[in-house]
Amino acid sequence: MCDLLRIKTDRGAMIGDDQSGLSISGKPIYHFVITSIFNGYAVIHFGCVAKINPESPLAKVCVLSCGILTGLDATFFGLSGIQYKSSVHLV
């Protein structure tokens, strides 16, 4: 996902046509990071979709993305200054 969507994620527009995909009264509604997750309807880029097995219990499904990997990478390579057995807060 991250490599595919590294461009235009902060512009509220879809990759390819630069359109928001959503409008109200003919005016575009922009969204953040190409997802419209707080709307009743969502128009998203295919790279933002993760197919989940319908048999999976949703309470136990977790999609890991670049935010998690960035934090782990910084921790494992000592870039964050986090010490073993210390507590951290992830936002």
PDB file of N, CA and C in Angstrom:
ATOM      1  N   MET A   1       0.807  -1.193   0.000  1.00  0.00           N
ATOM      2  CA  MET A   1       0.000   0.000   0.000  1.00  0.00           C
ATOM      3  C   MET A   1       0.851   1.258   0.000  1.00  0.00           C
ATOM      4  N   CYS A   2       1.811   1.314   0.881  1.00  0.00           N
ATOM      5  CA  CYS A   2       2.564   2.562   1.059  1.00  0.00           C
ATOM      6  C   CYS A   2       3.298   2.980  -0.202  1.00  0.00           C
ATOM      7  N   ASP A   3       3.965   2.036  -0.855  1.00  0.00           N
ATOM      8  CA  ASP A   3       4.692   2.388  -2.072  1.00  0.00           C
ATOM      9  C   ASP A   3       3.742   2.838  -3.166  1.00  0.00           C
ATOM     10  N   LEU A   4       2.601   2.188  -3.284  1.00  0.00           N
ATOM     11  CA  LEU A   4       1.623   2.523  -4.314  1.00  0.00           C
ATOM     12  C   LEU A   4       1.026   3.903  -4.086  1.00  0.00           C
ATOM     13  N   LEU A   5       0.770   4.244  -2.848  1.00  0.00           N
ATOM     14  CA  LEU A   5       0.031   5.471  -2.531  1.00  0.00           C
ATOM     15  C   LEU A   5       0.907   6.603  -2.018  1.00  0.00           C
ATOM     16  N   ARG A   6       2.199   6.518  -2.203  1.00  0.00           N
ATOM     17  CA  ARG A   6       3.110   7.528  -1.668  1.00  0.00           C
ATOM     18  C   ARG A   6       2.873   8.912  -2.275  1.00  0.00           C
ATOM     19  N   ILE A   7       2.238   8.990  -3.430  1.00  0.00           N
ATOM     20  CA  ILE A   7       1.995  10.283  -4.057  1.00  0.00           C
ATOM     21  C   ILE A   7       0.560  10.736  -3.821  1.00  0.00           C
ATOM     22  N   LYS A   8       0.360  12.016  -3.673  1.00  0.00           N
ATOM     23  CA  LYS A   8      -0.954  12.666  -3.581  1.00  0.00           C
ATOM     24  C   LYS A   8      -1.787  12.253  -2.374  1.00  0.00           C
ATOM     25  N   THR A   9      -1.227  11.609  -1.378  1.00  0.00           N
ATOM     26  CA  THR A   9      -2.044  11.180  -0.245  1.00  0.00           C
ATOM     27  C   THR A   9      -2.544  12.348   0.592  1.00  0.00           C
ATOM     28  N   ASP A  10      -1.924  13.502   0.469  1.00  0.00           N
ATOM     29  CA  ASP A  10      -2.337  14.648   1.270  1.00  0.00           C
ATOM     30  C   ASP A  10      -3.225  15.626   0.508  1.00  0.00           C
ATOM     31  N   ARG A  11      -3.600  15.316  -0.719  1.00  0.00           N
ATOM     32  CA  ARG A  11      -4.357  16.260  -1.550  1.00  0.00           C
ATOM     33  C   ARG A  11      -5.854  15.986  -1.598  1.00  0.00           C
ATOM     34  N   GLY A  12      -6.295  14.872  -1.049  1.00  0.00           N
ATOM     35  CA  GLY A  12      -7.710  14.561  -1.067  1.00  0.00           C
ATOM     36  C   GLY A  12      -8.237  14.204  -2.432  1.00  0.00           C
ATOM     37  N   ALA A  13      -7.361  13.796  -3.335  1.00  0.00           N
ATOM     38  CA  ALA A  13      -7.768  13.449  -4.697  1.00  0.00           C
ATOM     39  C   ALA A  13      -7.340  12.022  -5.010  1.00  0.00           C
ATOM     40  N   MET A  14      -8.054  11.413  -5.941  1.00  0.00           N
ATOM     41  CA  MET A  14      -7.725  10.054  -6.343  1.00  0.00           C
ATOM     42  C   MET A  14      -6.503  10.053  -7.242  1.00  0.00           C
ATOM     43  N   ILE A  15      -5.711   9.013  -7.139  1.00  0.00           N
ATOM     44  CA  ILE A  15      -4.558   8.856  -8.016  1.00  0.00           C
ATOM     45  C   ILE A  15      -5.071   8.564  -9.416  1.00  0.00           C
ATOM     46  N   GLY A  16      -4.497   9.200 -10.394  1.00  0.00           N
ATOM     47  CA  GLY A  16      -4.868   8.938 -11.781  1.00  0.00           C
ATOM     48  C   GLY A  16      -5.646  10.070 -12.408  1.00  0.00           C
ATOM     49  N   ASP A  17      -6.750  10.484 -11.767  1.00  0.00           N
ATOM     50  CA  ASP A  17      -7.560  11.533 -12.392  1.00  0.00           C
ATOM     51  C   ASP A  17      -7.614  12.825 -11.574  1.00  0.00           C
ATOM     52  N   ASP A  18      -6.976  12.868 -10.425  1.00  0.00           N
ATOM     53  CA  ASP A  18      -6.937  14.059  -9.567  1.00  0.00           C
ATOM     54  C   ASP A  18      -8.319  14.542  -9.131  1.00  0.00           C
ATOM     55  N   GLN A  19      -9.319  13.694  -9.176  1.00  0.00           N
ATOM     56  CA  GLN A  19     -10.665  14.046  -8.735  1.00  0.00           C
ATOM     57  C   GLN A  19     -10.887  13.527  -7.320  1.00  0.00           C
ATOM     58  N   SER A  20     -11.755  14.179  -6.570  1.00  0.00           N
ATOM     59  CA  SER A  20     -12.006  13.743  -5.199  1.00  0.00           C
ATOM     60  C   SER A  20     -12.883  12.497  -5.158  1.00  0.00           C
ATOM     61  N   GLY A  21     -13.729  12.314  -6.172  1.00  0.00           N
ATOM     62  CA  GLY A  21     -14.620  11.155  -6.193  1.00  0.00           C
ATOM     63  C   GLY A  21     -15.914  11.370  -5.435  1.00  0.00           C
ATOM     64  N   LEU A  22     -15.986  12.416  -4.626  1.00  0.00           N
ATOM     65  CA  LEU A  22     -17.181  12.729  -3.855  1.00  0.00           C
ATOM     66  C   LEU A  22     -17.559  14.181  -4.082  1.00  0.00           C
ATOM     67  N   SER A  23     -18.865  14.470  -4.044  1.00  0.00           N
ATOM     68  CA  SER A  23     -19.298  15.858  -4.196  1.00  0.00           C
ATOM     69  C   SER A  23     -20.606  16.074  -3.457  1.00  0.00           C
ATOM     70  N   ILE A  24     -20.887  17.331  -3.181  1.00  0.00           N
ATOM     71  CA  ILE A  24     -22.165  17.717  -2.600  1.00  0.00           C
ATOM     72  C   ILE A  24     -22.592  19.005  -3.292  1.00  0.00           C
ATOM     73  N   SER A  25     -23.792  19.027  -3.806  1.00  0.00           N
ATOM     74  CA  SER A  25     -24.311  20.165  -4.570  1.00  0.00           C
ATOM     75  C   SER A  25     -23.376  20.557  -5.704  1.00  0.00           C
ATOM     76  N   GLY A  26     -22.756  19.573  -6.324  1.00  0.00           N
ATOM     77  CA  GLY A  26     -21.880  19.815  -7.460  1.00  0.00           C
ATOM     78  C   GLY A  26     -20.466  20.263  -7.123  1.00  0.00           C
ATOM     79  N   LYS A  27     -20.175  20.438  -5.845  1.00  0.00           N
ATOM     80  CA  LYS A  27     -18.834  20.857  -5.431  1.00  0.00           C
ATOM     81  C   LYS A  27     -18.089  19.664  -4.839  1.00  0.00           C
ATOM     82  N   PRO A  28     -16.802  19.531  -5.164  1.00  0.00           N
ATOM     83  CA  PRO A  28     -16.050  18.374  -4.663  1.00  0.00           C
ATOM     84  C   PRO A  28     -15.861  18.406  -3.149  1.00  0.00           C
ATOM     85  N   ILE A  29     -15.897  17.236  -2.548  1.00  0.00           N
ATOM     86  CA  ILE A  29     -15.578  17.056  -1.135  1.00  0.00           C
ATOM     87  C   ILE A  29     -14.253  16.306  -1.105  1.00  0.00           C
ATOM     88  N   TYR A  30     -13.275  16.852  -0.422  1.00  0.00           N
ATOM     89  CA  TYR A  30     -11.957  16.216  -0.381  1.00  0.00           C
ATOM     90  C   TYR A  30     -11.817  15.360   0.869  1.00  0.00           C
ATOM     91  N   HIS A  31     -10.931  14.433   0.815  1.00  0.00           N
ATOM     92  CA  HIS A  31     -10.727  13.508   1.918  1.00  0.00           C
ATOM     93  C   HIS A  31      -9.247  13.385   2.205  1.00  0.00           C
ATOM     94  N   PHE A  32      -8.909  12.668   3.255  1.00  0.00           N
ATOM     95  CA  PHE A  32      -7.524  12.565   3.703  1.00  0.00           C
ATOM     96  C   PHE A  32      -6.968  11.175   3.428  1.00  0.00           C
ATOM     97  N   VAL A  33      -5.784  11.110   2.893  1.00  0.00           N
ATOM     98  CA  VAL A  33      -5.057   9.876   2.601  1.00  0.00           C
ATOM     99  C   VAL A  33      -5.892   8.932   1.730  1.00  0.00           C
ATOM    100  N   ILE A  34      -6.620   9.503   0.813  1.00  0.00           N
ATOM    101  CA  ILE A  34      -7.390   8.775  -0.194  1.00  0.00           C
ATOM    102  C   ILE A  34      -8.394   7.806   0.411  1.00  0.00           C
ATOM    103  N   THR A  35      -8.828   8.043   1.619  1.00  0.00           N
ATOM    104  CA  THR A  35      -9.905   7.239   2.193  1.00  0.00           C
ATOM    105  C   THR A  35     -10.971   8.180   2.715  1.00  0.00           C
ATOM    106  N   SER A  36     -12.185   7.745   2.679  1.00  0.00           N
ATOM    107  CA  SER A  36     -13.308   8.544   3.160  1.00  0.00           C
ATOM    108  C   SER A  36     -14.040   7.741   4.221  1.00  0.00           C
ATOM    109  N   ILE A  37     -13.331   7.377   5.247  1.00  0.00           N
ATOM    110  CA  ILE A  37     -13.850   6.408   6.199  1.00  0.00           C
ATOM    111  C   ILE A  37     -14.913   6.951   7.140  1.00  0.00           C
ATOM    112  N   PHE A  38     -15.093   8.259   7.217  1.00  0.00           N
ATOM    113  CA  PHE A  38     -16.106   8.802   8.102  1.00  0.00           C
ATOM    114  C   PHE A  38     -17.389   9.163   7.353  1.00  0.00           C
ATOM    115  N   ASN A  39     -17.512   8.707   6.131  1.00  0.00           N
ATOM    116  CA  ASN A  39     -18.693   8.964   5.318  1.00  0.00           C
ATOM    117  C   ASN A  39     -19.582   7.736   5.265  1.00  0.00           C
ATOM    118  N   GLY A  40     -20.830   7.939   4.894  1.00  0.00           N
ATOM    119  CA  GLY A  40     -21.735   6.821   4.676  1.00  0.00           C
ATOM    120  C   GLY A  40     -21.336   6.009   3.462  1.00  0.00           C
ATOM    121  N   TYR A  41     -20.706   6.671   2.506  1.00  0.00           N
ATOM    122  CA  TYR A  41     -20.213   6.015   1.295  1.00  0.00           C
ATOM    123  C   TYR A  41     -18.735   6.341   1.161  1.00  0.00           C
ATOM    124  N   ALA A  42     -17.998   5.442   0.576  1.00  0.00           N
ATOM    125  CA  ALA A  42     -16.562   5.677   0.407  1.00  0.00           C
ATOM    126  C   ALA A  42     -16.156   5.446  -1.035  1.00  0.00           C
ATOM    127  N   VAL A  43     -15.320   6.327  -1.543  1.00  0.00           N
ATOM    128  CA  VAL A  43     -14.693   6.155  -2.851  1.00  0.00           C
ATOM    129  C   VAL A  43     -13.206   6.105  -2.558  1.00  0.00           C
ATOM    130  N   ILE A  44     -12.607   4.943  -2.770  1.00  0.00           N
ATOM    131  CA  ILE A  44     -11.200   4.785  -2.431  1.00  0.00           C
ATOM    132  C   ILE A  44     -10.422   4.163  -3.579  1.00  0.00           C
ATOM    133  N   HIS A  45      -9.130   4.379  -3.576  1.00  0.00           N
ATOM    134  CA  HIS A  45      -8.233   3.782  -4.550  1.00  0.00           C
ATOM    135  C   HIS A  45      -8.101   2.293  -4.230  1.00  0.00           C
ATOM    136  N   PHE A  46      -7.956   1.466  -5.258  1.00  0.00           N
ATOM    137  CA  PHE A  46      -7.869   0.023  -5.026  1.00  0.00           C
ATOM    138  C   PHE A  46      -6.692  -0.344  -4.122  1.00  0.00           C
ATOM    139  N   GLY A  47      -5.671   0.492  -4.075  1.00  0.00           N
ATOM    140  CA  GLY A  47      -4.522   0.216  -3.221  1.00  0.00           C
ATOM    141  C   GLY A  47      -4.817   0.371  -1.740  1.00  0.00           C
ATOM    142  N   CYS A  48      -5.970   0.979  -1.403  1.00  0.00           N
ATOM    143  CA  CYS A  48      -6.358   1.152  -0.002  1.00  0.00           C
ATOM    144  C   CYS A  48      -7.238   0.021   0.496  1.00  0.00           C
ATOM    145  N   VAL A  49      -7.493  -0.953  -0.351  1.00  0.00           N
ATOM    146  CA  VAL A  49      -8.409  -2.035   0.000  1.00  0.00           C
ATOM    147  C   VAL A  49      -7.625  -3.270   0.414  1.00  0.00           C
ATOM    148  N   ALA A  50      -8.017  -3.876   1.504  1.00  0.00           N
ATOM    149  CA  ALA A  50      -7.439  -5.149   1.937  1.00  0.00           C
ATOM    150  C   ALA A  50      -8.579  -6.159   2.010  1.00  0.00           C
ATOM    151  N   LYS A  51      -8.499  -7.212   1.207  1.00  0.00           N
ATOM    152  CA  LYS A  51      -9.543  -8.230   1.201  1.00  0.00           C
ATOM    153  C   LYS A  51      -9.385  -9.111   2.437  1.00  0.00           C
ATOM    154  N   ILE A  52     -10.473  -9.278   3.161  1.00  0.00           N
ATOM    155  CA  ILE A  52     -10.475 -10.076   4.385  1.00  0.00           C
ATOM    156  C   ILE A  52     -11.397 -11.265   4.184  1.00  0.00           C
ATOM    157  N   ASN A  53     -10.949 -12.416   4.605  1.00  0.00           N
ATOM    158  CA  ASN A  53     -11.747 -13.635   4.511  1.00  0.00           C
ATOM    159  C   ASN A  53     -13.052 -13.430   5.278  1.00  0.00           C
ATOM    160  N   PRO A  54     -14.206 -13.652   4.634  1.00  0.00           N
ATOM    161  CA  PRO A  54     -15.495 -13.450   5.312  1.00  0.00           C
ATOM    162  C   PRO A  54     -15.679 -14.337   6.541  1.00  0.00           C
ATOM    163  N   GLU A  55     -14.926 -15.417   6.622  1.00  0.00           N
ATOM    164  CA  GLU A  55     -15.019 -16.320   7.772  1.00  0.00           C
ATOM    165  C   GLU A  55     -14.219 -15.808   8.974  1.00  0.00           C
ATOM    166  N   SER A  56     -13.384 -14.811   8.776  1.00  0.00           N
ATOM    167  CA  SER A  56     -12.552 -14.285   9.864  1.00  0.00           C
ATOM    168  C   SER A  56     -13.403 -13.507  10.856  1.00  0.00           C
ATOM    169  N   PRO A  57     -13.180 -13.705  12.156  1.00  0.00           N
ATOM    170  CA  PRO A  57     -13.912 -12.905  13.145  1.00  0.00           C
ATOM    171  C   PRO A  57     -13.390 -11.464  13.114  1.00  0.00           C
ATOM    172  N   LEU A  58     -14.252 -10.517  12.813  1.00  0.00           N
ATOM    173  CA  LEU A  58     -13.829  -9.128  12.649  1.00  0.00           C
ATOM    174  C   LEU A  58     -13.190  -8.546  13.908  1.00  0.00           C
ATOM    175  N   ALA A  59     -13.563  -9.060  15.075  1.00  0.00           N
ATOM    176  CA  ALA A  59     -12.973  -8.566  16.319  1.00  0.00           C
ATOM    177  C   ALA A  59     -11.489  -8.908  16.418  1.00  0.00           C
ATOM    178  N   LYS A  60     -11.048  -9.858  15.599  1.00  0.00           N
ATOM    179  CA  LYS A  60      -9.647 -10.281  15.658  1.00  0.00           C
ATOM    180  C   LYS A  60      -8.857  -9.917  14.413  1.00  0.00           C
ATOM    181  N   VAL A  61      -9.490  -9.220  13.467  1.00  0.00           N
ATOM    182  CA  VAL A  61      -8.807  -8.841  12.231  1.00  0.00           C
ATOM    183  C   VAL A  61      -8.036  -7.544  12.471  1.00  0.00           C
ATOM    184  N   CYS A  62      -6.805  -7.524  12.054  1.00  0.00           N
ATOM    185  CA  CYS A  62      -5.966  -6.334  12.186  1.00  0.00           C
ATOM    186  C   CYS A  62      -5.183  -6.156  10.900  1.00  0.00           C
ATOM    187  N   VAL A  63      -5.258  -4.986  10.304  1.00  0.00           N
ATOM    188  CA  VAL A  63      -4.503  -4.693   9.094  1.00  0.00           C
ATOM    189  C   VAL A  63      -3.305  -3.841   9.502  1.00  0.00           C
ATOM    190  N   LEU A  64      -2.116  -4.343   9.246  1.00  0.00           N
ATOM    191  CA  LEU A  64      -0.898  -3.597   9.561  1.00  0.00           C
ATOM    192  C   LEU A  64      -0.472  -2.814   8.339  1.00  0.00           C
ATOM    193  N   SER A  65      -0.145  -1.560   8.526  1.00  0.00           N
ATOM    194  CA  SER A  65       0.281  -0.733   7.399  1.00  0.00           C
ATOM    195  C   SER A  65       1.574  -0.009   7.745  1.00  0.00           C
ATOM    196  N   CYS A  66       1.909   0.991   6.969  1.00  0.00           N
ATOM    197  CA  CYS A  66       3.215   1.646   7.097  1.00  0.00           C
ATOM    198  C   CYS A  66       3.432   2.294   8.459  1.00  0.00           C
ATOM    199  N   GLY A  67       2.391   2.740   9.145  1.00  0.00           N
ATOM    200  CA  GLY A  67       2.577   3.348  10.460  1.00  0.00           C
ATOM    201  C   GLY A  67       3.174   2.378  11.462  1.00  0.00           C
ATOM    202  N   ILE A  68       2.678   1.162  11.469  1.00  0.00           N
ATOM    203  CA  ILE A  68       3.210   0.131  12.365  1.00  0.00           C
ATOM    204  C   ILE A  68       4.640  -0.209  11.978  1.00  0.00           C
ATOM    205  N   LEU A  69       4.855  -0.433  10.692  1.00  0.00           N
ATOM    206  CA  LEU A  69       6.186  -0.826  10.236  1.00  0.00           C
ATOM    207  C   LEU A  69       7.219   0.266  10.463  1.00  0.00           C
ATOM    208  N   THR A  70       6.828   1.512  10.317  1.00  0.00           N
ATOM    209  CA  THR A  70       7.755   2.615  10.571  1.00  0.00           C
ATOM    210  C   THR A  70       8.170   2.628  12.037  1.00  0.00           C
ATOM    211  N   GLY A  71       7.218   2.447  12.934  1.00  0.00           N
ATOM    212  CA  GLY A  71       7.524   2.407  14.369  1.00  0.00           C
ATOM    213  C   GLY A  71       8.403   1.234  14.743  1.00  0.00           C
ATOM    214  N   LEU A  72       8.111   0.067  14.186  1.00  0.00           N
ATOM    215  CA  LEU A  72       8.928  -1.112  14.470  1.00  0.00           C
ATOM    216  C   LEU A  72      10.342  -0.937  13.944  1.00  0.00           C
ATOM    217  N   ASP A  73      10.458  -0.405  12.752  1.00  0.00           N
ATOM    218  CA  ASP A  73      11.770  -0.202  12.140  1.00  0.00           C
ATOM    219  C   ASP A  73      12.614   0.747  12.990  1.00  0.00           C
ATOM    220  N   ALA A  74      12.012   1.845  13.416  1.00  0.00           N
ATOM    221  CA  ALA A  74      12.742   2.811  14.239  1.00  0.00           C
ATOM    222  C   ALA A  74      13.157   2.187  15.566  1.00  0.00           C
ATOM    223  N   THR A  75      12.307   1.334  16.124  1.00  0.00           N
ATOM    224  CA  THR A  75      12.613   0.683  17.396  1.00  0.00           C
ATOM    225  C   THR A  75      13.715  -0.350  17.244  1.00  0.00           C
ATOM    226  N   PHE A  76      13.583  -1.224  16.259  1.00  0.00           N
ATOM    227  CA  PHE A  76      14.562  -2.295  16.077  1.00  0.00           C
ATOM    228  C   PHE A  76      15.946  -1.773  15.726  1.00  0.00           C
ATOM    229  N   PHE A  77      16.013  -0.666  15.013  1.00  0.00           N
ATOM    230  CA  PHE A  77      17.310  -0.133  14.619  1.00  0.00           C
ATOM    231  C   PHE A  77      17.800   0.973  15.559  1.00  0.00           C
ATOM    232  N   GLY A  78      17.115   1.157  16.685  1.00  0.00           N
ATOM    233  CA  GLY A  78      17.572   2.093  17.706  1.00  0.00           C
ATOM    234  C   GLY A  78      17.430   3.559  17.353  1.00  0.00           C
ATOM    235  N   LEU A  79      16.625   3.886  16.366  1.00  0.00           N
ATOM    236  CA  LEU A  79      16.491   5.282  15.951  1.00  0.00           C
ATOM    237  C   LEU A  79      15.559   6.077  16.851  1.00  0.00           C
ATOM    238  N   SER A  80      14.717   5.391  17.608  1.00  0.00           N
ATOM    239  CA  SER A  80      13.707   6.078  18.405  1.00  0.00           C
ATOM    240  C   SER A  80      14.165   6.399  19.818  1.00  0.00           C
ATOM    241  N   GLY A  81      15.217   5.741  20.287  1.00  0.00           N
ATOM    242  CA  GLY A  81      15.661   5.938  21.666  1.00  0.00           C
ATOM    243  C   GLY A  81      14.840   5.149  22.668  1.00  0.00           C
ATOM    244  N   ILE A  82      13.947   4.283  22.202  1.00  0.00           N
ATOM    245  CA  ILE A  82      13.132   3.464  23.090  1.00  0.00           C
ATOM    246  C   ILE A  82      14.011   2.385  23.714  1.00  0.00           C
ATOM    247  N   GLN A  83      13.912   2.244  25.030  1.00  0.00           N
ATOM    248  CA  GLN A  83      14.691   1.250  25.757  1.00  0.00           C
ATOM    249  C   GLN A  83      13.859  -0.012  25.983  1.00  0.00           C
ATOM    250  N   TYR A  84      14.522  -1.133  26.120  1.00  0.00           N
ATOM    251  CA  TYR A  84      13.875  -2.418  26.385  1.00  0.00           C
ATOM    252  C   TYR A  84      12.997  -2.321  27.627  1.00  0.00           C
ATOM    253  N   LYS A  85      11.780  -2.831  27.546  1.00  0.00           N
ATOM    254  CA  LYS A  85      10.775  -2.854  28.611  1.00  0.00           C
ATOM    255  C   LYS A  85      10.252  -1.467  28.996  1.00  0.00           C
ATOM    256  N   SER A  86      10.461  -0.468  28.156  1.00  0.00           N
ATOM    257  CA  SER A  86       9.884   0.845  28.441  1.00  0.00           C
ATOM    258  C   SER A  86       8.479   0.913  27.851  1.00  0.00           C
ATOM    259  N   SER A  87       7.697   1.858  28.298  1.00  0.00           N
ATOM    260  CA  SER A  87       6.341   2.047  27.789  1.00  0.00           C
ATOM    261  C   SER A  87       6.345   3.146  26.743  1.00  0.00           C
ATOM    262  N   VAL A  88       5.548   2.971  25.710  1.00  0.00           N
ATOM    263  CA  VAL A  88       5.429   3.982  24.669  1.00  0.00           C
ATOM    264  C   VAL A  88       3.962   4.181  24.336  1.00  0.00           C
ATOM    265  N   HIS A  89       3.656   5.311  23.746  1.00  0.00           N
ATOM    266  CA  HIS A  89       2.293   5.622  23.309  1.00  0.00           C
ATOM    267  C   HIS A  89       2.321   5.812  21.800  1.00  0.00           C
ATOM    268  N   LEU A  90       1.533   5.023  21.081  1.00  0.00           N
ATOM    269  CA  LEU A  90       1.454   5.143  19.629  1.00  0.00           C
ATOM    270  C   LEU A  90       0.199   5.888  19.250  1.00  0.00           C
ATOM    271  N   VAL A  91       0.327   6.858  18.376  1.00  0.00           N
ATOM    272  CA  VAL A  91      -0.827   7.632  17.913  1.00  0.00           C
ATOM    273  C   VAL A  91      -1.043   7.349  16.452  1.00  0.00           C
TER     274      VAL A  91
END
